[in-house]
Amino acid sequence: MLAAALTLLAGISLSVSGASPARADRCDDIAAQLKGQIEGLKIGITAANVIYLSHPQARELTLGCRGRNYSNELYAKADSRKPKPEFFELVATAAALVFTIPKPDALTGSTRCIKRMGLFRGDNVKMRYRRLNMECTRTKTEAAIAISRGRDE
């Protein structure tokens, strides 16, 4: 009986130790997927659940994971007050991969948000599009967009 118990314990320890290798968290997986899908994207340092990315079309690009009010957040800042179409393509591709939505929907939402800023609506626009929260801001020299999805969605 003792031999059967030892054999059973040995089998359990082998199955537990060989269950699965250690994995990086979901945020690192998303960043690696972005790097593989977007040409010219580089992954920088990670600090406080934010991964800093760099791309020639954006002045700043970050991927935030699991904040207090959101599950994922993508932040991009353009070099000019009126971003070029290449910037919108970058944001749409990244948002489509991070939030698993179709790229045309991400392109439409980000374009709408940034183009709404102006004389009537001001330089800070918040909107919702396809279950995503979008906040666009601009200064005299640059424009930025933050796309996030709430924790409860």
C-alpha atoms as a PDB file:
ATOM      1  CA  MET A   1       0.000   0.000   0.000  1.00  0.00           C
ATOM      2  CA  LEU A   2       2.900   2.354   0.803  1.00  0.00           C
ATOM      3  CA  ALA A   3       4.483   1.618  -2.580  1.00  0.00           C
ATOM      4  CA  ALA A   4       1.202   2.454  -4.373  1.00  0.00           C
ATOM      5  CA  ALA A   5       0.935   5.771  -2.491  1.00  0.00           C
ATOM      6  CA  LEU A   6       4.536   6.708  -3.380  1.00  0.00           C
ATOM      7  CA  THR A   7       3.916   5.834  -7.028  1.00  0.00           C
ATOM      8  CA  LEU A   8       0.769   7.975  -7.013  1.00  0.00           C
ATOM      9  CA  LEU A   9       2.621  10.921  -5.431  1.00  0.00           C
ATOM     10  CA  ALA A  10       5.465  10.611  -7.941  1.00  0.00           C
ATOM     11  CA  GLY A  11       2.957  10.677 -10.814  1.00  0.00           C
ATOM     12  CA  ILE A  12       1.245  13.775  -9.404  1.00  0.00           C
ATOM     13  CA  SER A  13       4.517  15.658  -8.938  1.00  0.00           C
ATOM     14  CA  LEU A  14       5.539  14.878 -12.531  1.00  0.00           C
ATOM     15  CA  SER A  15       2.230  16.095 -13.903  1.00  0.00           C
ATOM     16  CA  VAL A  16       2.331  19.298 -11.827  1.00  0.00           C
ATOM     17  CA  SER A  17       5.926  20.178 -12.678  1.00  0.00           C
ATOM     18  CA  GLY A  18       5.426  19.514 -16.398  1.00  0.00           C
ATOM     19  CA  ALA A  19       2.029  21.214 -16.613  1.00  0.00           C
ATOM     20  CA  SER A  20       3.073  24.382 -18.418  1.00  0.00           C
ATOM     21  CA  PRO A  21       6.156  26.519 -18.821  1.00  0.00           C
ATOM     22  CA  ALA A  22       6.316  29.986 -17.330  1.00  0.00           C
ATOM     23  CA  ARG A  23       4.634  32.594 -19.542  1.00  0.00           C
ATOM     24  CA  ALA A  24       4.882  36.326 -19.865  1.00  0.00           C
ATOM     25  CA  ASP A  25       1.765  38.239 -18.987  1.00  0.00           C
ATOM     26  CA  ARG A  26      -0.881  39.177 -21.526  1.00  0.00           C
ATOM     27  CA  CYS A  27       0.453  42.710 -21.987  1.00  0.00           C
ATOM     28  CA  ASP A  28       3.858  41.465 -23.140  1.00  0.00           C
ATOM     29  CA  ASP A  29       2.131  39.091 -25.547  1.00  0.00           C
ATOM     30  CA  ILE A  30       0.137  41.969 -27.058  1.00  0.00           C
ATOM     31  CA  ALA A  31       3.294  44.088 -27.416  1.00  0.00           C
ATOM     32  CA  ALA A  32       5.100  41.233 -29.161  1.00  0.00           C
ATOM     33  CA  GLN A  33       2.132  40.741 -31.468  1.00  0.00           C
ATOM     34  CA  LEU A  34       2.132  44.464 -32.298  1.00  0.00           C
ATOM     35  CA  LYS A  35       5.848  44.328 -33.093  1.00  0.00           C
ATOM     36  CA  GLY A  36       5.303  41.367 -35.405  1.00  0.00           C
ATOM     37  CA  GLN A  37       2.399  42.984 -37.272  1.00  0.00           C
ATOM     38  CA  ILE A  38       3.493  46.635 -37.548  1.00  0.00           C
ATOM     39  CA  GLU A  39       6.567  47.454 -39.598  1.00  0.00           C
ATOM     40  CA  GLY A  40       9.043  49.741 -37.820  1.00  0.00           C
ATOM     41  CA  LEU A  41       7.583  49.329 -34.313  1.00  0.00           C
ATOM     42  CA  LYS A  42      10.061  48.931 -31.464  1.00  0.00           C
ATOM     43  CA  ILE A  43       9.346  47.846 -27.901  1.00  0.00           C
ATOM     44  CA  GLY A  44      10.922  49.963 -25.177  1.00  0.00           C
ATOM     45  CA  ILE A  45      10.903  49.688 -21.420  1.00  0.00           C
ATOM     46  CA  THR A  46       8.037  48.566 -19.197  1.00  0.00           C
ATOM     47  CA  ALA A  47       7.146  50.619 -16.141  1.00  0.00           C
ATOM     48  CA  ALA A  48       4.026  50.497 -13.941  1.00  0.00           C
ATOM     49  CA  ASN A  49       1.941  48.345 -16.330  1.00  0.00           C
ATOM     50  CA  VAL A  50       2.817  50.583 -19.296  1.00  0.00           C
ATOM     51  CA  ILE A  51       4.931  49.416 -22.210  1.00  0.00           C
ATOM     52  CA  TYR A  52       6.603  52.233 -24.122  1.00  0.00           C
ATOM     53  CA  LEU A  53       6.696  51.700 -27.865  1.00  0.00           C
ATOM     54  CA  SER A  54       8.280  53.733 -30.644  1.00  0.00           C
ATOM     55  CA  HIS A  55       7.419  54.200 -34.305  1.00  0.00           C
ATOM     56  CA  PRO A  56       8.500  56.796 -36.893  1.00  0.00           C
ATOM     57  CA  GLN A  57       4.895  58.008 -37.418  1.00  0.00           C
ATOM     58  CA  ALA A  58       4.234  58.797 -33.729  1.00  0.00           C
ATOM     59  CA  ARG A  59       6.013  61.031 -31.250  1.00  0.00           C
ATOM     60  CA  GLU A  60       4.806  58.889 -28.316  1.00  0.00           C
ATOM     61  CA  LEU A  61       3.188  55.459 -28.314  1.00  0.00           C
ATOM     62  CA  THR A  62       2.313  53.464 -25.197  1.00  0.00           C
ATOM     63  CA  LEU A  63       0.353  50.347 -24.344  1.00  0.00           C
ATOM     64  CA  GLY A  64      -1.185  50.293 -20.877  1.00  0.00           C
ATOM     65  CA  CYS A  65      -2.495  47.118 -19.292  1.00  0.00           C
ATOM     66  CA  ARG A  66      -4.919  46.586 -16.442  1.00  0.00           C
ATOM     67  CA  GLY A  67      -5.424  49.939 -14.843  1.00  0.00           C
ATOM     68  CA  ARG A  68      -7.985  50.781 -12.198  1.00  0.00           C
ATOM     69  CA  ASN A  69     -10.663  51.783 -14.724  1.00  0.00           C
ATOM     70  CA  TYR A  70      -9.611  50.040 -17.947  1.00  0.00           C
ATOM     71  CA  SER A  71      -8.449  46.652 -19.197  1.00  0.00           C
ATOM     72  CA  ASN A  72      -6.172  47.947 -21.990  1.00  0.00           C
ATOM     73  CA  GLU A  73      -5.225  51.410 -23.178  1.00  0.00           C
ATOM     74  CA  LEU A  74      -3.447  52.575 -26.309  1.00  0.00           C
ATOM     75  CA  TYR A  75      -2.029  56.104 -26.316  1.00  0.00           C
ATOM     76  CA  ALA A  76      -0.539  57.766 -29.394  1.00  0.00           C
ATOM     77  CA  LYS A  77       0.719  61.306 -29.923  1.00  0.00           C
ATOM     78  CA  ALA A  78       1.275  62.790 -33.370  1.00  0.00           C
ATOM     79  CA  ASP A  79       4.003  65.204 -34.378  1.00  0.00           C
ATOM     80  CA  SER A  80       1.619  67.832 -35.678  1.00  0.00           C
ATOM     81  CA  ARG A  81      -1.740  69.379 -34.847  1.00  0.00           C
ATOM     82  CA  LYS A  82      -3.274  67.722 -37.921  1.00  0.00           C
ATOM     83  CA  PRO A  83      -1.937  64.142 -38.106  1.00  0.00           C
ATOM     84  CA  LYS A  84      -1.031  62.539 -41.409  1.00  0.00           C
ATOM     85  CA  PRO A  85      -2.948  59.526 -42.784  1.00  0.00           C
ATOM     86  CA  GLU A  86       0.011  57.280 -41.882  1.00  0.00           C
ATOM     87  CA  PHE A  87      -0.525  58.153 -38.212  1.00  0.00           C
ATOM     88  CA  PHE A  88      -4.179  57.135 -38.461  1.00  0.00           C
ATOM     89  CA  GLU A  89      -3.144  53.848 -40.111  1.00  0.00           C
ATOM     90  CA  LEU A  90      -0.706  53.139 -37.275  1.00  0.00           C
ATOM     91  CA  VAL A  91      -3.322  53.864 -34.596  1.00  0.00           C
ATOM     92  CA  ALA A  92      -5.971  51.808 -36.398  1.00  0.00           C
ATOM     93  CA  THR A  93      -3.689  48.800 -36.845  1.00  0.00           C
ATOM     94  CA  ALA A  94      -2.557  48.894 -33.227  1.00  0.00           C
ATOM     95  CA  ALA A  95      -6.101  49.370 -31.894  1.00  0.00           C
ATOM     96  CA  ALA A  96      -7.403  46.528 -34.055  1.00  0.00           C
ATOM     97  CA  LEU A  97      -4.780  44.167 -32.605  1.00  0.00           C
ATOM     98  CA  VAL A  98      -5.082  45.321 -28.985  1.00  0.00           C
ATOM     99  CA  PHE A  99      -8.884  45.426 -28.791  1.00  0.00           C
ATOM    100  CA  THR A 100      -9.657  42.690 -31.368  1.00  0.00           C
ATOM    101  CA  ILE A 101     -11.936  44.809 -33.531  1.00  0.00           C
ATOM    102  CA  PRO A 102     -11.900  45.186 -37.317  1.00  0.00           C
ATOM    103  CA  LYS A 103      -9.295  47.636 -38.596  1.00  0.00           C
ATOM    104  CA  PRO A 104     -11.809  49.755 -40.589  1.00  0.00           C
ATOM    105  CA  ASP A 105     -13.804  50.319 -37.386  1.00  0.00           C
ATOM    106  CA  ALA A 106     -10.678  51.363 -35.494  1.00  0.00           C
ATOM    107  CA  LEU A 107      -9.691  53.692 -38.350  1.00  0.00           C
ATOM    108  CA  THR A 108     -13.150  55.277 -38.455  1.00  0.00           C
ATOM    109  CA  GLY A 109     -13.266  55.812 -34.682  1.00  0.00           C
ATOM    110  CA  SER A 110      -9.800  57.318 -34.351  1.00  0.00           C
ATOM    111  CA  THR A 111     -10.275  59.563 -37.392  1.00  0.00           C
ATOM    112  CA  ARG A 112     -13.634  60.792 -36.112  1.00  0.00           C
ATOM    113  CA  CYS A 113     -12.272  61.565 -32.686  1.00  0.00           C
ATOM    114  CA  ILE A 114      -9.341  63.633 -33.912  1.00  0.00           C
ATOM    115  CA  LYS A 115     -11.321  65.418 -36.632  1.00  0.00           C
ATOM    116  CA  ARG A 116     -14.022  66.476 -34.134  1.00  0.00           C
ATOM    117  CA  MET A 117     -11.617  68.755 -32.334  1.00  0.00           C
ATOM    118  CA  GLY A 118     -11.965  72.325 -33.452  1.00  0.00           C
ATOM    119  CA  LEU A 119     -13.681  75.620 -32.898  1.00  0.00           C
ATOM    120  CA  PHE A 120     -17.049  74.237 -31.778  1.00  0.00           C
ATOM    121  CA  ARG A 121     -16.036  71.241 -29.670  1.00  0.00           C
ATOM    122  CA  GLY A 122     -12.735  72.517 -28.321  1.00  0.00           C
ATOM    123  CA  ASP A 123      -9.370  70.832 -27.974  1.00  0.00           C
ATOM    124  CA  ASN A 124     -10.515  67.952 -25.759  1.00  0.00           C
ATOM    125  CA  VAL A 125     -13.033  65.474 -27.176  1.00  0.00           C
ATOM    126  CA  LYS A 126     -14.324  62.344 -25.467  1.00  0.00           C
ATOM    127  CA  MET A 127     -16.407  59.871 -27.397  1.00  0.00           C
ATOM    128  CA  ARG A 128     -17.445  56.240 -27.473  1.00  0.00           C
ATOM    129  CA  TYR A 129     -17.196  54.095 -30.577  1.00  0.00           C
ATOM    130  CA  ARG A 130     -17.672  50.325 -30.838  1.00  0.00           C
ATOM    131  CA  ARG A 131     -17.466  49.806 -27.044  1.00  0.00           C
ATOM    132  CA  LEU A 132     -14.191  51.752 -26.923  1.00  0.00           C
ATOM    133  CA  ASN A 133     -13.612  54.975 -25.008  1.00  0.00           C
ATOM    134  CA  MET A 134     -11.682  57.502 -27.074  1.00  0.00           C
ATOM    135  CA  GLU A 135     -10.243  60.728 -25.765  1.00  0.00           C
ATOM    136  CA  CYS A 136      -8.552  63.122 -28.165  1.00  0.00           C
ATOM    137  CA  THR A 137      -6.595  66.189 -27.121  1.00  0.00           C
ATOM    138  CA  ARG A 138      -4.500  68.723 -28.958  1.00  0.00           C
ATOM    139  CA  THR A 139      -2.218  71.607 -28.210  1.00  0.00           C
ATOM    140  CA  LYS A 140      -0.809  74.243 -30.541  1.00  0.00           C
ATOM    141  CA  THR A 141       1.811  71.822 -31.872  1.00  0.00           C
ATOM    142  CA  GLU A 142       0.539  68.241 -31.449  1.00  0.00           C
ATOM    143  CA  ALA A 143      -2.513  65.973 -31.249  1.00  0.00           C
ATOM    144  CA  ALA A 144      -2.985  62.830 -29.148  1.00  0.00           C
ATOM    145  CA  ILE A 145      -5.501  60.027 -28.836  1.00  0.00           C
ATOM    146  CA  ALA A 146      -6.090  57.592 -25.982  1.00  0.00           C
ATOM    147  CA  ILE A 147      -8.206  54.525 -26.724  1.00  0.00           C
ATOM    148  CA  SER A 148      -9.309  52.291 -23.865  1.00  0.00           C
ATOM    149  CA  ARG A 149     -11.841  49.643 -22.986  1.00  0.00           C
ATOM    150  CA  GLY A 150     -13.463  49.586 -19.577  1.00  0.00           C
ATOM    151  CA  ARG A 151     -12.829  46.740 -17.150  1.00  0.00           C
ATOM    152  CA  ASP A 152     -16.465  45.642 -17.190  1.00  0.00           C
ATOM    153  CA  GLU A 153     -16.623  45.174 -20.980  1.00  0.00           C
END
